[in-house]
Amino acid sequence: MNAIDDDTTMSRRGLFRAGAAGAAVATGLAAGTGSATAQYDGWLDDVPNYDGTHDYTGQDEVTVTVGAGNGLVFGPAAILIDPGTTVVWEWSGEGGAHNVVANDETFDSGETVNEAGYTFEHTFEDVSEGDTFNYLCVPHEAVGMKGAIAIGSVDDDLVTPGGG
């Protein structure tokens, strides 16, 4: 039996197949559009202060605190910025010695530092909207000292509800 018995009537089996195919396409499209959670692929699941992606688009420079909260997190954990924005990581002096290292080695602050007021900066040039950079503090990764930087705009559906 064909999916369509005549020009105007669809069989039950054909209707089921068409519905299943449509659902598969919709699932694929939804997975492709992404949200902050999907973009980070679980990277921030164990980060205690992750409360969504904080929107800093439109700013030339953004500061992330190294050793925020209990001294063992980045604050905020996830940010959304425009291409060309400079991110400045500023050490709080809490939680021991820290560093900032991108998973893909795009940026690396070097040796660990425990000095309040110390800064490291990176300008996100030659990036595209939709790019995501996951980073961590090497000695404190196991306790969830990780962060993420998303490049884009609020139209990119990267900002989760509840984000800044």
N, C-alpha and C. Protein backbone atom coordinates (compact mmCIF):
# COMPACT_ATOMS: atom_id res chain seq x y z
N MET A 1 0.85 -1.18 0.00
CA MET A 1 0.00 0.00 0.00
C MET A 1 0.89 1.23 0.00
N ASN A 2 0.60 2.19 -0.81
CA ASN A 2 1.33 3.44 -0.86
C ASN A 2 0.92 4.34 0.29
N ALA A 3 1.77 5.30 0.61
CA ALA A 3 1.45 6.24 1.68
C ALA A 3 0.19 7.01 1.35
N ILE A 4 -0.02 7.31 0.08
CA ILE A 4 -1.22 8.03 -0.34
C ILE A 4 -1.99 7.11 -1.27
N ASP A 5 -3.24 6.75 -0.89
CA ASP A 5 -4.05 5.83 -1.68
C ASP A 5 -4.59 6.48 -2.93
N ASP A 6 -4.95 7.72 -2.85
CA ASP A 6 -5.38 8.47 -4.02
C ASP A 6 -4.93 9.90 -3.84
N ASP A 7 -5.41 10.80 -4.65
CA ASP A 7 -4.94 12.18 -4.62
C ASP A 7 -5.31 12.92 -3.33
N THR A 8 -6.31 12.46 -2.58
CA THR A 8 -6.77 13.23 -1.43
C THR A 8 -6.76 12.47 -0.12
N THR A 9 -6.51 11.16 -0.13
CA THR A 9 -6.62 10.38 1.09
C THR A 9 -5.27 9.75 1.43
N MET A 10 -4.86 9.87 2.70
CA MET A 10 -3.62 9.26 3.17
C MET A 10 -4.00 8.09 4.06
N SER A 11 -3.31 6.94 3.88
CA SER A 11 -3.58 5.78 4.74
C SER A 11 -3.08 6.04 6.15
N ARG A 12 -3.56 5.22 7.11
CA ARG A 12 -3.09 5.37 8.48
C ARG A 12 -1.58 5.13 8.57
N ARG A 13 -1.08 4.12 7.86
CA ARG A 13 0.36 3.83 7.88
C ARG A 13 1.14 5.00 7.28
N GLY A 14 0.65 5.56 6.20
CA GLY A 14 1.30 6.71 5.58
C GLY A 14 1.30 7.92 6.48
N LEU A 15 0.18 8.12 7.18
CA LEU A 15 0.09 9.22 8.12
C LEU A 15 1.10 9.05 9.26
N PHE A 16 1.21 7.82 9.77
CA PHE A 16 2.17 7.53 10.84
C PHE A 16 3.60 7.79 10.36
N ARG A 17 3.93 7.30 9.15
CA ARG A 17 5.28 7.51 8.61
C ARG A 17 5.57 9.00 8.43
N ALA A 18 4.61 9.72 7.91
CA ALA A 18 4.82 11.15 7.70
C ALA A 18 5.00 11.87 9.03
N GLY A 19 4.21 11.48 10.03
CA GLY A 19 4.34 12.09 11.36
C GLY A 19 5.68 11.78 11.98
N ALA A 20 6.15 10.53 11.87
CA ALA A 20 7.44 10.15 12.43
C ALA A 20 8.57 10.89 11.73
N ALA A 21 8.49 11.01 10.42
CA ALA A 21 9.53 11.74 9.68
C ALA A 21 9.54 13.21 10.09
N GLY A 22 8.34 13.79 10.24
CA GLY A 22 8.26 15.18 10.66
C GLY A 22 8.83 15.40 12.05
N ALA A 23 8.57 14.46 12.95
CA ALA A 23 9.11 14.56 14.31
C ALA A 23 10.62 14.47 14.29
N ALA A 24 11.17 13.60 13.46
CA ALA A 24 12.63 13.46 13.37
C ALA A 24 13.26 14.74 12.84
N VAL A 25 12.63 15.34 11.84
CA VAL A 25 13.15 16.60 11.30
C VAL A 25 13.07 17.69 12.35
N ALA A 26 11.94 17.78 13.05
CA ALA A 26 11.78 18.81 14.09
C ALA A 26 12.81 18.63 15.20
N THR A 27 13.07 17.38 15.59
CA THR A 27 14.07 17.12 16.62
C THR A 27 15.44 17.56 16.14
N GLY A 28 15.78 17.27 14.91
CA GLY A 28 17.07 17.68 14.36
C GLY A 28 17.21 19.18 14.31
N LEU A 29 16.14 19.86 13.93
CA LEU A 29 16.19 21.32 13.88
C LEU A 29 16.32 21.91 15.27
N ALA A 30 15.58 21.36 16.22
CA ALA A 30 15.66 21.89 17.59
C ALA A 30 17.05 21.69 18.16
N ALA A 31 17.66 20.55 17.89
CA ALA A 31 19.01 20.29 18.40
C ALA A 31 20.01 21.24 17.76
N GLY A 32 19.78 21.62 16.51
CA GLY A 32 20.71 22.49 15.81
C GLY A 32 20.62 23.94 16.24
N THR A 33 19.47 24.39 16.73
CA THR A 33 19.35 25.79 17.10
C THR A 33 20.09 26.09 18.38
N GLY A 34 20.11 25.18 19.30
CA GLY A 34 20.91 25.31 20.52
C GLY A 34 20.37 26.29 21.54
N SER A 35 20.72 26.04 22.75
CA SER A 35 20.48 26.96 23.85
C SER A 35 21.79 26.99 24.62
N ALA A 36 21.87 27.79 25.64
CA ALA A 36 23.13 27.87 26.38
C ALA A 36 23.51 26.51 26.92
N THR A 37 22.54 25.75 27.41
CA THR A 37 22.84 24.43 27.96
C THR A 37 23.36 23.52 26.87
N ALA A 38 22.70 23.51 25.71
CA ALA A 38 23.13 22.64 24.62
C ALA A 38 24.49 23.06 24.10
N GLN A 39 24.74 24.35 24.02
CA GLN A 39 26.01 24.84 23.51
C GLN A 39 27.18 24.38 24.38
N TYR A 40 26.96 24.26 25.66
CA TYR A 40 28.04 23.91 26.57
C TYR A 40 28.18 22.41 26.75
N ASP A 41 27.28 21.62 26.18
CA ASP A 41 27.35 20.16 26.19
C ASP A 41 27.69 19.59 27.56
N GLY A 42 27.05 20.09 28.59
CA GLY A 42 27.27 19.57 29.94
C GLY A 42 28.49 20.12 30.65
N TRP A 43 29.25 20.98 29.99
CA TRP A 43 30.48 21.52 30.56
C TRP A 43 30.24 22.18 31.92
N LEU A 44 29.11 22.84 32.09
CA LEU A 44 28.85 23.59 33.32
C LEU A 44 27.94 22.85 34.30
N ASP A 45 27.66 21.58 34.05
CA ASP A 45 26.74 20.82 34.90
C ASP A 45 27.17 20.77 36.36
N ASP A 46 28.46 20.73 36.63
CA ASP A 46 28.93 20.62 38.02
C ASP A 46 29.46 21.95 38.57
N VAL A 47 29.12 23.04 37.90
CA VAL A 47 29.56 24.36 38.36
C VAL A 47 28.51 24.92 39.32
N PRO A 48 28.86 25.08 40.60
CA PRO A 48 27.85 25.42 41.61
C PRO A 48 27.16 26.77 41.42
N ASN A 49 27.81 27.73 40.79
CA ASN A 49 27.19 29.05 40.64
C ASN A 49 26.64 29.30 39.24
N TYR A 50 26.58 28.27 38.39
CA TYR A 50 26.05 28.47 37.04
C TYR A 50 24.55 28.73 37.13
N ASP A 51 24.12 29.91 36.71
CA ASP A 51 22.72 30.29 36.77
C ASP A 51 22.22 30.81 35.43
N GLY A 52 22.82 30.35 34.35
CA GLY A 52 22.47 30.80 33.02
C GLY A 52 23.59 31.65 32.44
N THR A 53 23.40 32.05 31.20
CA THR A 53 24.41 32.84 30.51
C THR A 53 24.10 34.32 30.70
N HIS A 54 25.05 35.05 31.21
CA HIS A 54 24.88 36.48 31.47
C HIS A 54 25.22 37.27 30.21
N ASP A 55 24.31 38.12 29.78
CA ASP A 55 24.44 38.85 28.52
C ASP A 55 25.26 40.13 28.71
N TYR A 56 26.45 40.14 28.11
CA TYR A 56 27.31 41.33 28.13
C TYR A 56 27.55 41.84 26.71
N THR A 57 26.64 41.53 25.79
CA THR A 57 26.79 42.05 24.44
C THR A 57 26.68 43.57 24.49
N GLY A 58 27.38 44.22 23.57
CA GLY A 58 27.37 45.68 23.53
C GLY A 58 28.43 46.32 24.40
N GLN A 59 29.20 45.52 25.13
CA GLN A 59 30.25 46.06 25.98
C GLN A 59 31.62 45.73 25.38
N ASP A 60 32.54 46.68 25.46
CA ASP A 60 33.89 46.48 24.93
C ASP A 60 34.74 45.62 25.84
N GLU A 61 34.46 45.68 27.14
CA GLU A 61 35.27 44.95 28.12
C GLU A 61 34.36 44.38 29.21
N VAL A 62 34.65 43.14 29.60
CA VAL A 62 33.87 42.45 30.62
C VAL A 62 34.84 41.86 31.64
N THR A 63 34.50 41.96 32.93
CA THR A 63 35.35 41.39 33.98
C THR A 63 34.70 40.15 34.56
N VAL A 64 35.49 39.08 34.69
CA VAL A 64 35.07 37.84 35.33
C VAL A 64 35.96 37.68 36.57
N THR A 65 35.34 37.44 37.72
CA THR A 65 36.10 37.26 38.96
C THR A 65 36.63 35.84 39.05
N VAL A 66 37.92 35.72 39.32
CA VAL A 66 38.57 34.42 39.53
C VAL A 66 38.63 34.21 41.04
N GLY A 67 37.96 33.15 41.51
CA GLY A 67 37.88 32.92 42.95
C GLY A 67 36.68 33.61 43.56
N ALA A 68 35.59 33.68 42.81
CA ALA A 68 34.35 34.29 43.31
C ALA A 68 33.67 33.35 44.31
N GLY A 69 32.61 33.85 44.92
CA GLY A 69 31.80 33.02 45.82
C GLY A 69 32.63 32.41 46.94
N ASN A 70 32.72 31.09 46.93
CA ASN A 70 33.48 30.37 47.95
C ASN A 70 34.98 30.36 47.65
N GLY A 71 35.39 31.09 46.62
CA GLY A 71 36.79 31.13 46.22
C GLY A 71 37.15 30.10 45.18
N LEU A 72 36.18 29.26 44.78
CA LEU A 72 36.47 28.17 43.86
C LEU A 72 35.55 28.17 42.64
N VAL A 73 35.14 29.37 42.21
CA VAL A 73 34.33 29.50 41.00
C VAL A 73 34.73 30.76 40.24
N PHE A 74 34.33 30.81 38.98
CA PHE A 74 34.44 32.03 38.18
C PHE A 74 33.09 32.74 38.30
N GLY A 75 33.11 34.06 38.40
CA GLY A 75 31.86 34.79 38.54
C GLY A 75 31.75 35.91 37.51
N PRO A 76 30.75 35.83 36.63
CA PRO A 76 29.80 34.75 36.43
C PRO A 76 30.43 33.57 35.69
N ALA A 77 29.77 32.43 35.76
CA ALA A 77 30.31 31.21 35.15
C ALA A 77 30.21 31.23 33.63
N ALA A 78 29.16 31.83 33.09
CA ALA A 78 28.97 31.84 31.63
C ALA A 78 28.55 33.23 31.19
N ILE A 79 29.20 33.71 30.12
CA ILE A 79 28.89 35.04 29.60
C ILE A 79 28.70 34.99 28.09
N LEU A 80 27.91 35.92 27.60
CA LEU A 80 27.68 36.10 26.17
C LEU A 80 28.26 37.45 25.80
N ILE A 81 29.16 37.47 24.80
CA ILE A 81 29.82 38.70 24.39
C ILE A 81 29.80 38.82 22.87
N ASP A 82 30.15 40.00 22.39
CA ASP A 82 30.29 40.24 20.96
C ASP A 82 31.70 39.91 20.50
N PRO A 83 31.88 39.62 19.20
CA PRO A 83 33.25 39.51 18.68
C PRO A 83 33.99 40.82 18.94
N GLY A 84 35.27 40.73 19.31
CA GLY A 84 36.09 41.90 19.58
C GLY A 84 36.08 42.35 21.03
N THR A 85 35.26 41.74 21.87
CA THR A 85 35.20 42.10 23.29
C THR A 85 36.42 41.56 24.02
N THR A 86 36.93 42.35 24.95
CA THR A 86 38.03 41.92 25.82
C THR A 86 37.44 41.41 27.13
N VAL A 87 37.83 40.20 27.51
CA VAL A 87 37.44 39.66 28.81
C VAL A 87 38.64 39.78 29.73
N VAL A 88 38.42 40.38 30.90
CA VAL A 88 39.46 40.54 31.91
C VAL A 88 39.09 39.64 33.09
N TRP A 89 39.96 38.70 33.40
CA TRP A 89 39.78 37.86 34.58
C TRP A 89 40.55 38.53 35.71
N GLU A 90 39.87 38.81 36.82
CA GLU A 90 40.51 39.47 37.96
C GLU A 90 40.45 38.56 39.19
N TRP A 91 41.62 38.29 39.76
CA TRP A 91 41.74 37.39 40.90
C TRP A 91 41.22 38.07 42.17
N SER A 92 40.44 37.33 42.94
CA SER A 92 39.90 37.83 44.21
C SER A 92 40.88 37.61 45.36
N GLY A 93 41.83 36.70 45.18
CA GLY A 93 42.74 36.34 46.26
C GLY A 93 42.18 35.26 47.17
N GLU A 94 40.98 34.75 46.85
CA GLU A 94 40.33 33.72 47.65
C GLU A 94 40.45 32.35 46.98
N GLY A 95 40.48 31.30 47.79
CA GLY A 95 40.42 29.93 47.26
C GLY A 95 41.74 29.33 46.84
N GLY A 96 42.84 29.99 47.11
CA GLY A 96 44.14 29.45 46.72
C GLY A 96 44.60 30.01 45.39
N ALA A 97 45.60 29.37 44.82
CA ALA A 97 46.19 29.82 43.55
C ALA A 97 45.36 29.29 42.38
N HIS A 98 45.10 30.18 41.41
CA HIS A 98 44.26 29.84 40.26
C HIS A 98 44.97 30.19 38.95
N ASN A 99 44.47 29.61 37.88
CA ASN A 99 44.82 30.03 36.53
C ASN A 99 43.57 29.95 35.67
N VAL A 100 43.67 30.42 34.43
CA VAL A 100 42.56 30.42 33.48
C VAL A 100 43.09 29.82 32.19
N VAL A 101 42.55 28.65 31.81
CA VAL A 101 43.05 27.93 30.64
C VAL A 101 41.88 27.48 29.78
N ALA A 102 41.88 27.88 28.51
CA ALA A 102 40.85 27.44 27.57
C ALA A 102 41.09 25.99 27.16
N ASN A 103 40.01 25.23 27.04
CA ASN A 103 40.14 23.83 26.61
C ASN A 103 40.84 23.71 25.27
N ASP A 104 40.56 24.65 24.36
CA ASP A 104 41.15 24.58 23.02
C ASP A 104 42.45 25.37 22.92
N GLU A 105 42.99 25.81 24.05
CA GLU A 105 44.25 26.54 24.14
C GLU A 105 44.22 27.92 23.48
N THR A 106 43.02 28.47 23.28
CA THR A 106 42.89 29.82 22.72
C THR A 106 43.52 30.85 23.63
N PHE A 107 43.40 30.64 24.94
CA PHE A 107 44.02 31.54 25.92
C PHE A 107 44.48 30.73 27.11
N ASP A 108 45.51 31.25 27.79
CA ASP A 108 46.10 30.57 28.94
C ASP A 108 46.81 31.62 29.78
N SER A 109 46.40 31.76 31.03
CA SER A 109 47.01 32.77 31.90
C SER A 109 48.37 32.35 32.43
N GLY A 110 48.75 31.10 32.22
CA GLY A 110 50.06 30.63 32.66
C GLY A 110 50.01 29.98 34.03
N GLU A 111 51.04 30.22 34.81
CA GLU A 111 51.17 29.62 36.14
C GLU A 111 50.04 30.07 37.06
N THR A 112 49.77 29.29 38.09
CA THR A 112 48.75 29.66 39.06
C THR A 112 49.21 30.86 39.89
N VAL A 113 48.22 31.69 40.26
CA VAL A 113 48.49 32.93 41.00
C VAL A 113 47.48 33.03 42.14
N ASN A 114 47.92 33.54 43.29
CA ASN A 114 47.04 33.73 44.44
C ASN A 114 47.10 35.18 44.92
N GLU A 115 47.14 36.11 44.01
CA GLU A 115 47.30 37.52 44.36
C GLU A 115 46.03 38.29 44.03
N ALA A 116 45.38 38.86 45.04
CA ALA A 116 44.18 39.67 44.82
C ALA A 116 44.53 40.84 43.90
N GLY A 117 43.66 41.09 42.91
CA GLY A 117 43.87 42.19 41.99
C GLY A 117 44.66 41.83 40.75
N TYR A 118 45.29 40.65 40.73
CA TYR A 118 46.01 40.21 39.53
C TYR A 118 45.00 40.06 38.40
N THR A 119 45.40 40.41 37.17
CA THR A 119 44.49 40.29 36.03
C THR A 119 45.16 39.60 34.86
N PHE A 120 44.32 38.97 34.07
CA PHE A 120 44.70 38.37 32.80
C PHE A 120 43.59 38.74 31.83
N GLU A 121 43.95 39.11 30.60
CA GLU A 121 42.90 39.47 29.65
C GLU A 121 43.13 38.83 28.30
N HIS A 122 42.02 38.66 27.59
CA HIS A 122 42.05 38.12 26.23
C HIS A 122 40.96 38.82 25.43
N THR A 123 41.33 39.28 24.22
CA THR A 123 40.37 39.89 23.32
C THR A 123 39.93 38.84 22.30
N PHE A 124 38.63 38.67 22.17
CA PHE A 124 38.06 37.64 21.30
C PHE A 124 37.90 38.17 19.88
N GLU A 125 39.04 38.24 19.18
CA GLU A 125 39.08 38.66 17.79
C GLU A 125 39.09 37.41 16.91
N ASP A 126 38.78 37.57 15.66
CA ASP A 126 38.77 36.44 14.71
C ASP A 126 37.89 35.31 15.22
N VAL A 127 36.73 35.66 15.75
CA VAL A 127 35.75 34.68 16.21
C VAL A 127 34.45 34.93 15.45
N SER A 128 33.57 33.97 15.50
CA SER A 128 32.28 34.08 14.81
C SER A 128 31.15 33.93 15.81
N GLU A 129 30.01 34.52 15.48
CA GLU A 129 28.83 34.32 16.31
C GLU A 129 28.53 32.84 16.37
N GLY A 130 28.22 32.36 17.55
CA GLY A 130 27.96 30.94 17.75
C GLY A 130 29.15 30.18 18.31
N ASP A 131 30.35 30.79 18.26
CA ASP A 131 31.53 30.14 18.85
C ASP A 131 31.38 30.10 20.37
N THR A 132 31.89 29.05 20.98
CA THR A 132 31.87 28.90 22.43
C THR A 132 33.25 28.49 22.90
N PHE A 133 33.71 29.11 23.98
CA PHE A 133 35.02 28.81 24.55
C PHE A 133 34.84 28.35 25.99
N ASN A 134 35.14 27.09 26.25
CA ASN A 134 35.09 26.54 27.61
C ASN A 134 36.47 26.70 28.24
N TYR A 135 36.49 27.05 29.51
CA TYR A 135 37.77 27.23 30.19
C TYR A 135 37.67 26.74 31.63
N LEU A 136 38.82 26.67 32.30
CA LEU A 136 38.87 26.11 33.65
C LEU A 136 40.07 26.64 34.41
N CYS A 137 40.04 26.38 35.70
CA CYS A 137 41.21 26.56 36.57
C CYS A 137 41.78 25.16 36.74
N VAL A 138 42.99 24.93 36.27
CA VAL A 138 43.55 23.57 36.27
C VAL A 138 43.54 22.92 37.65
N PRO A 139 44.04 23.58 38.71
CA PRO A 139 44.05 22.88 40.00
C PRO A 139 42.67 22.67 40.62
N HIS A 140 41.65 23.40 40.16
CA HIS A 140 40.33 23.31 40.80
C HIS A 140 39.23 22.84 39.85
N GLU A 141 39.58 22.25 38.73
CA GLU A 141 38.56 21.75 37.80
C GLU A 141 37.66 20.72 38.48
N ALA A 142 38.23 19.85 39.29
CA ALA A 142 37.47 18.76 39.92
C ALA A 142 36.36 19.26 40.85
N VAL A 143 36.48 20.49 41.35
CA VAL A 143 35.44 21.04 42.22
C VAL A 143 34.51 21.99 41.46
N GLY A 144 34.60 21.97 40.12
CA GLY A 144 33.68 22.74 39.30
C GLY A 144 34.11 24.15 38.97
N MET A 145 35.40 24.45 39.06
CA MET A 145 35.86 25.80 38.71
C MET A 145 36.08 25.86 37.20
N LYS A 146 34.94 26.07 36.51
CA LYS A 146 34.92 26.10 35.05
C LYS A 146 34.03 27.25 34.60
N GLY A 147 34.27 27.70 33.38
CA GLY A 147 33.47 28.77 32.83
C GLY A 147 33.29 28.60 31.34
N ALA A 148 32.46 29.45 30.75
CA ALA A 148 32.21 29.40 29.32
C ALA A 148 31.95 30.81 28.80
N ILE A 149 32.43 31.04 27.58
CA ILE A 149 32.20 32.31 26.90
C ILE A 149 31.55 31.98 25.57
N ALA A 150 30.38 32.54 25.33
CA ALA A 150 29.66 32.36 24.08
C ALA A 150 29.75 33.67 23.30
N ILE A 151 29.93 33.54 22.00
CA ILE A 151 30.02 34.70 21.12
C ILE A 151 28.70 34.78 20.36
N GLY A 152 28.06 35.94 20.41
CA GLY A 152 26.81 36.05 19.67
C GLY A 152 25.98 37.22 20.08
N SER A 153 24.68 37.05 19.92
CA SER A 153 23.72 38.07 20.30
C SER A 153 22.51 37.39 20.90
N VAL A 154 21.64 38.15 21.50
CA VAL A 154 20.46 37.56 22.10
C VAL A 154 19.58 36.90 21.06
N ASP A 155 19.70 37.31 19.81
CA ASP A 155 18.93 36.68 18.74
C ASP A 155 19.41 35.26 18.44
N ASP A 156 20.61 34.91 18.90
CA ASP A 156 21.16 33.58 18.64
C ASP A 156 20.61 32.52 19.58
N ASP A 157 19.71 32.88 20.49
CA ASP A 157 19.09 31.93 21.42
C ASP A 157 20.12 31.25 22.30
N LEU A 158 21.19 31.97 22.65
CA LEU A 158 22.22 31.42 23.53
C LEU A 158 21.97 31.76 24.99
N VAL A 159 21.12 32.74 25.25
CA VAL A 159 20.91 33.17 26.63
C VAL A 159 19.76 32.37 27.22
N THR A 160 20.01 31.70 28.33
CA THR A 160 18.98 30.90 28.97
C THR A 160 18.12 31.78 29.86
N PRO A 161 16.89 31.37 30.09
CA PRO A 161 16.06 32.13 31.03
C PRO A 161 16.75 32.18 32.39
N GLY A 162 16.71 33.31 33.02
CA GLY A 162 17.35 33.47 34.32
C GLY A 162 18.77 33.96 34.21
N GLY A 163 19.33 34.01 32.99
CA GLY A 163 20.67 34.54 32.81
C GLY A 163 20.66 36.03 33.00
N GLY A 164 21.86 36.59 33.19
CA GLY A 164 21.94 38.02 33.50
C GLY A 164 21.76 38.82 32.33
